[in-house]
Amino acid sequence: MYFIIEGTAAVYDETDNYVIARLPPNSFFGETAIASGHAGLRTRSIKAETNLSIAILELSDFNLCLRYPSILRRIEERMEQRKKMNENKIKKNRKKAEFDDDSG
């Protein structure tokens, strides 16, 4: 799991065609992979828009955090919020792409 200390990153949809979110300082990403226990799991692409300073939370350290249910709850809540936001943004981009194809 990664925490952005300084800089900004963009979150892209599965096709890498659309930015679906921007992550400012104090944001984090990689929570889906670490919470699922599948370190290689990728659901989105993250690309730096500026120079980034990040902190990394390794799986072993994350497992220590699980001793505190409030931390896990907060991560799960954020994961669900992002999932809904990303799905809505992707649907919107697909509709726009379909419209562009029809009008072009």
N, C-alpha and C. Protein backbone atom coordinates (compact mmCIF):
# COMPACT_ATOMS: atom_id res chain seq x y z
N MET A 1 0.86 -1.16 0.00
CA MET A 1 0.00 0.00 0.00
C MET A 1 0.90 1.22 0.00
N TYR A 2 0.47 2.25 -0.70
CA TYR A 2 1.30 3.43 -0.88
C TYR A 2 0.55 4.68 -0.39
N PHE A 3 1.29 5.56 0.26
CA PHE A 3 0.74 6.81 0.75
C PHE A 3 1.48 7.96 0.07
N ILE A 4 0.73 8.88 -0.50
CA ILE A 4 1.35 10.02 -1.17
C ILE A 4 1.65 11.09 -0.12
N ILE A 5 2.92 11.40 0.02
CA ILE A 5 3.36 12.43 0.96
C ILE A 5 3.36 13.78 0.24
N GLU A 6 3.96 13.80 -0.94
CA GLU A 6 4.03 15.02 -1.76
C GLU A 6 3.77 14.64 -3.21
N GLY A 7 3.14 15.55 -3.95
CA GLY A 7 2.90 15.33 -5.37
C GLY A 7 1.48 14.87 -5.65
N THR A 8 1.22 14.62 -6.92
CA THR A 8 -0.11 14.23 -7.37
C THR A 8 0.01 13.07 -8.35
N ALA A 9 -0.91 12.12 -8.25
CA ALA A 9 -0.96 10.99 -9.17
C ALA A 9 -2.34 10.90 -9.78
N ALA A 10 -2.41 10.29 -10.96
CA ALA A 10 -3.69 10.09 -11.65
C ALA A 10 -4.03 8.61 -11.62
N VAL A 11 -5.32 8.32 -11.48
CA VAL A 11 -5.83 6.96 -11.51
C VAL A 11 -6.52 6.78 -12.86
N TYR A 12 -6.09 5.75 -13.59
CA TYR A 12 -6.65 5.48 -14.92
C TYR A 12 -7.56 4.26 -14.89
N ASP A 13 -8.53 4.25 -15.81
CA ASP A 13 -9.41 3.09 -15.94
C ASP A 13 -8.62 1.90 -16.48
N GLU A 14 -9.31 0.77 -16.63
CA GLU A 14 -8.62 -0.45 -17.03
C GLU A 14 -8.01 -0.39 -18.43
N THR A 15 -8.45 0.53 -19.25
CA THR A 15 -7.90 0.67 -20.60
C THR A 15 -6.75 1.67 -20.65
N ASP A 16 -6.51 2.37 -19.56
CA ASP A 16 -5.50 3.44 -19.48
C ASP A 16 -5.84 4.61 -20.39
N ASN A 17 -7.10 4.74 -20.78
CA ASN A 17 -7.52 5.83 -21.65
C ASN A 17 -8.08 7.03 -20.90
N TYR A 18 -8.65 6.80 -19.73
CA TYR A 18 -9.34 7.87 -19.02
C TYR A 18 -8.83 8.01 -17.59
N VAL A 19 -8.64 9.25 -17.19
CA VAL A 19 -8.33 9.53 -15.79
C VAL A 19 -9.66 9.51 -15.04
N ILE A 20 -9.74 8.64 -14.04
CA ILE A 20 -10.99 8.55 -13.28
C ILE A 20 -10.88 9.22 -11.92
N ALA A 21 -9.66 9.55 -11.52
CA ALA A 21 -9.47 10.25 -10.24
C ALA A 21 -8.06 10.81 -10.19
N ARG A 22 -7.88 11.78 -9.32
CA ARG A 22 -6.56 12.32 -9.03
C ARG A 22 -6.31 12.16 -7.53
N LEU A 23 -5.10 11.80 -7.20
CA LEU A 23 -4.74 11.58 -5.81
C LEU A 23 -3.76 12.65 -5.35
N PRO A 24 -4.22 13.52 -4.45
CA PRO A 24 -3.35 14.58 -3.92
C PRO A 24 -2.55 14.05 -2.73
N PRO A 25 -1.69 14.89 -2.15
CA PRO A 25 -0.98 14.48 -0.94
C PRO A 25 -1.97 14.01 0.13
N ASN A 26 -1.53 13.08 0.95
CA ASN A 26 -2.31 12.44 2.02
C ASN A 26 -3.30 11.41 1.50
N SER A 27 -3.22 11.07 0.21
CA SER A 27 -4.04 10.00 -0.35
C SER A 27 -3.25 8.70 -0.29
N PHE A 28 -3.96 7.60 -0.51
CA PHE A 28 -3.29 6.31 -0.57
C PHE A 28 -3.87 5.49 -1.70
N PHE A 29 -3.10 4.50 -2.14
CA PHE A 29 -3.58 3.56 -3.14
C PHE A 29 -2.90 2.21 -2.92
N GLY A 30 -3.44 1.20 -3.56
CA GLY A 30 -2.93 -0.16 -3.37
C GLY A 30 -3.63 -0.89 -2.26
N GLU A 31 -4.68 -0.29 -1.71
CA GLU A 31 -5.37 -0.91 -0.58
C GLU A 31 -6.12 -2.18 -0.98
N THR A 32 -6.61 -2.24 -2.21
CA THR A 32 -7.35 -3.44 -2.65
C THR A 32 -6.42 -4.64 -2.68
N ALA A 33 -5.24 -4.47 -3.22
CA ALA A 33 -4.29 -5.58 -3.30
C ALA A 33 -3.85 -6.04 -1.91
N ILE A 34 -3.50 -5.10 -1.07
CA ILE A 34 -2.98 -5.49 0.25
C ILE A 34 -4.08 -6.06 1.14
N ALA A 35 -5.29 -5.51 1.05
CA ALA A 35 -6.39 -6.01 1.89
C ALA A 35 -6.84 -7.39 1.44
N SER A 36 -6.70 -7.67 0.14
CA SER A 36 -7.12 -8.98 -0.38
C SER A 36 -6.04 -10.04 -0.16
N GLY A 37 -4.83 -9.59 0.18
CA GLY A 37 -3.73 -10.52 0.36
C GLY A 37 -3.06 -10.93 -0.95
N HIS A 38 -3.45 -10.29 -2.04
CA HIS A 38 -2.87 -10.58 -3.35
C HIS A 38 -2.03 -9.39 -3.79
N ALA A 39 -0.78 -9.38 -3.40
CA ALA A 39 0.09 -8.23 -3.64
C ALA A 39 0.18 -7.85 -5.11
N GLY A 40 0.03 -8.80 -6.02
CA GLY A 40 0.13 -8.51 -7.45
C GLY A 40 -1.18 -8.07 -8.08
N LEU A 41 -2.25 -8.04 -7.32
CA LEU A 41 -3.56 -7.67 -7.85
C LEU A 41 -3.58 -6.20 -8.25
N ARG A 42 -4.01 -5.93 -9.48
CA ARG A 42 -4.12 -4.55 -9.95
C ARG A 42 -5.52 -4.36 -10.52
N THR A 43 -6.19 -3.35 -10.03
CA THR A 43 -7.51 -3.02 -10.57
C THR A 43 -7.49 -1.72 -11.34
N ARG A 44 -6.47 -0.91 -11.15
CA ARG A 44 -6.32 0.37 -11.83
C ARG A 44 -4.84 0.65 -12.04
N SER A 45 -4.56 1.60 -12.92
CA SER A 45 -3.19 2.06 -13.12
C SER A 45 -3.04 3.42 -12.45
N ILE A 46 -1.93 3.59 -11.76
CA ILE A 46 -1.62 4.86 -11.11
C ILE A 46 -0.38 5.42 -11.79
N LYS A 47 -0.47 6.69 -12.21
CA LYS A 47 0.68 7.32 -12.86
C LYS A 47 0.93 8.67 -12.20
N ALA A 48 2.19 8.93 -11.93
CA ALA A 48 2.57 10.20 -11.32
C ALA A 48 2.31 11.34 -12.30
N GLU A 49 1.71 12.41 -11.80
CA GLU A 49 1.54 13.62 -12.60
C GLU A 49 2.62 14.64 -12.26
N THR A 50 3.16 14.52 -11.08
CA THR A 50 4.27 15.36 -10.63
C THR A 50 5.26 14.43 -9.94
N ASN A 51 6.39 14.97 -9.52
CA ASN A 51 7.30 14.17 -8.71
C ASN A 51 6.56 13.75 -7.45
N LEU A 52 6.73 12.49 -7.07
CA LEU A 52 6.04 11.97 -5.89
C LEU A 52 7.03 11.62 -4.79
N SER A 53 6.61 11.88 -3.59
CA SER A 53 7.27 11.36 -2.41
C SER A 53 6.24 10.44 -1.77
N ILE A 54 6.57 9.14 -1.62
CA ILE A 54 5.60 8.20 -1.10
C ILE A 54 6.16 7.43 0.08
N ALA A 55 5.25 6.90 0.87
CA ALA A 55 5.60 5.97 1.94
C ALA A 55 4.94 4.64 1.59
N ILE A 56 5.64 3.55 1.88
CA ILE A 56 5.15 2.22 1.53
C ILE A 56 4.81 1.46 2.80
N LEU A 57 3.63 0.85 2.80
CA LEU A 57 3.22 -0.02 3.90
C LEU A 57 3.28 -1.45 3.37
N GLU A 58 4.23 -2.22 3.87
CA GLU A 58 4.41 -3.61 3.45
C GLU A 58 3.31 -4.48 4.04
N LEU A 59 3.10 -5.65 3.44
CA LEU A 59 2.06 -6.57 3.89
C LEU A 59 2.24 -6.96 5.36
N SER A 60 3.48 -7.20 5.77
CA SER A 60 3.72 -7.58 7.17
C SER A 60 3.30 -6.47 8.13
N ASP A 61 3.55 -5.22 7.74
CA ASP A 61 3.14 -4.09 8.58
C ASP A 61 1.62 -3.91 8.54
N PHE A 62 1.04 -4.11 7.37
CA PHE A 62 -0.42 -4.02 7.25
C PHE A 62 -1.09 -5.04 8.17
N ASN A 63 -0.53 -6.24 8.21
CA ASN A 63 -1.10 -7.29 9.07
C ASN A 63 -1.10 -6.87 10.53
N LEU A 64 -0.10 -6.10 10.95
CA LEU A 64 -0.08 -5.58 12.32
C LEU A 64 -1.23 -4.61 12.55
N CYS A 65 -1.58 -3.85 11.50
CA CYS A 65 -2.68 -2.89 11.61
C CYS A 65 -4.02 -3.58 11.83
N LEU A 66 -4.12 -4.84 11.40
CA LEU A 66 -5.38 -5.57 11.53
C LEU A 66 -5.76 -5.81 12.98
N ARG A 67 -4.83 -5.59 13.87
CA ARG A 67 -5.14 -5.71 15.31
C ARG A 67 -6.09 -4.60 15.76
N TYR A 68 -6.21 -3.57 14.91
CA TYR A 68 -7.03 -2.42 15.23
C TYR A 68 -8.20 -2.36 14.24
N PRO A 69 -9.36 -2.89 14.63
CA PRO A 69 -10.51 -2.96 13.71
C PRO A 69 -10.90 -1.61 13.11
N SER A 70 -10.67 -0.52 13.83
CA SER A 70 -11.05 0.79 13.30
C SER A 70 -10.23 1.14 12.06
N ILE A 71 -8.98 0.73 12.03
CA ILE A 71 -8.14 0.99 10.85
C ILE A 71 -8.65 0.18 9.67
N LEU A 72 -8.93 -1.09 9.88
CA LEU A 72 -9.44 -1.95 8.81
C LEU A 72 -10.77 -1.42 8.29
N ARG A 73 -11.66 -1.01 9.19
CA ARG A 73 -12.96 -0.46 8.78
C ARG A 73 -12.78 0.77 7.90
N ARG A 74 -11.87 1.62 8.28
CA ARG A 74 -11.65 2.85 7.51
C ARG A 74 -11.13 2.54 6.10
N ILE A 75 -10.21 1.59 6.01
CA ILE A 75 -9.69 1.18 4.70
C ILE A 75 -10.81 0.56 3.87
N GLU A 76 -11.60 -0.32 4.48
CA GLU A 76 -12.70 -0.96 3.75
C GLU A 76 -13.72 0.07 3.26
N GLU A 77 -14.04 1.05 4.11
CA GLU A 77 -14.97 2.11 3.71
C GLU A 77 -14.43 2.89 2.52
N ARG A 78 -13.16 3.22 2.57
CA ARG A 78 -12.53 3.97 1.48
C ARG A 78 -12.50 3.14 0.20
N MET A 79 -12.24 1.85 0.33
CA MET A 79 -12.24 0.97 -0.84
C MET A 79 -13.61 0.96 -1.50
N GLU A 80 -14.66 0.87 -0.71
CA GLU A 80 -16.02 0.84 -1.24
C GLU A 80 -16.37 2.18 -1.90
N GLN A 81 -16.00 3.28 -1.27
CA GLN A 81 -16.24 4.60 -1.86
C GLN A 81 -15.54 4.73 -3.21
N ARG A 82 -14.29 4.32 -3.27
CA ARG A 82 -13.54 4.41 -4.52
C ARG A 82 -14.13 3.52 -5.59
N LYS A 83 -14.54 2.32 -5.20
CA LYS A 83 -15.13 1.39 -6.17
C LYS A 83 -16.36 2.02 -6.82
N LYS A 84 -17.24 2.58 -6.01
CA LYS A 84 -18.46 3.21 -6.54
C LYS A 84 -18.12 4.42 -7.41
N MET A 85 -17.21 5.25 -6.94
CA MET A 85 -16.81 6.44 -7.69
C MET A 85 -16.19 6.04 -9.04
N ASN A 86 -15.31 5.05 -9.01
CA ASN A 86 -14.65 4.61 -10.23
C ASN A 86 -15.64 4.01 -11.21
N GLU A 87 -16.57 3.20 -10.72
CA GLU A 87 -17.57 2.60 -11.60
C GLU A 87 -18.42 3.68 -12.28
N ASN A 88 -18.82 4.69 -11.51
CA ASN A 88 -19.62 5.78 -12.09
C ASN A 88 -18.83 6.56 -13.14
N LYS A 89 -17.57 6.84 -12.85
CA LYS A 89 -16.75 7.59 -13.79
C LYS A 89 -16.50 6.78 -15.06
N ILE A 90 -16.28 5.48 -14.93
CA ILE A 90 -16.05 4.62 -16.09
C ILE A 90 -17.31 4.56 -16.95
N LYS A 91 -18.48 4.42 -16.32
CA LYS A 91 -19.74 4.40 -17.08
C LYS A 91 -19.91 5.70 -17.86
N LYS A 92 -19.62 6.81 -17.20
CA LYS A 92 -19.75 8.12 -17.83
C LYS A 92 -18.81 8.22 -19.04
N ASN A 93 -17.56 7.77 -18.88
CA ASN A 93 -16.59 7.83 -19.97
C ASN A 93 -17.00 6.92 -21.13
N ARG A 94 -17.56 5.75 -20.81
CA ARG A 94 -18.01 4.85 -21.88
C ARG A 94 -19.16 5.46 -22.67
N LYS A 95 -20.09 6.07 -21.96
CA LYS A 95 -21.21 6.72 -22.65
C LYS A 95 -20.70 7.84 -23.54
N LYS A 96 -19.74 8.61 -23.04
CA LYS A 96 -19.17 9.68 -23.83
C LYS A 96 -18.47 9.14 -25.07
N ALA A 97 -17.72 8.05 -24.90
CA ALA A 97 -17.02 7.43 -26.02
C ALA A 97 -18.00 6.90 -27.06
N GLU A 98 -19.11 6.31 -26.61
CA GLU A 98 -20.13 5.82 -27.53
C GLU A 98 -20.76 6.97 -28.30
N PHE A 99 -21.02 8.07 -27.60
CA PHE A 99 -21.59 9.25 -28.25
C PHE A 99 -20.63 9.81 -29.29
N ASP A 100 -19.36 9.91 -28.91
CA ASP A 100 -18.33 10.41 -29.82
C ASP A 100 -18.22 9.53 -31.06
N ASP A 101 -18.31 8.20 -30.89
CA ASP A 101 -18.24 7.29 -32.02
C ASP A 101 -19.45 7.45 -32.94
N ASP A 102 -20.61 7.64 -32.33
CA ASP A 102 -21.85 7.81 -33.13
C ASP A 102 -21.88 9.12 -33.88
N SER A 103 -21.31 10.16 -33.31
CA SER A 103 -21.38 11.48 -33.93
C SER A 103 -20.22 11.74 -34.89
N GLY A 104 -19.20 10.87 -34.86
CA GLY A 104 -18.00 11.09 -35.65
C GLY A 104 -18.12 10.54 -37.00
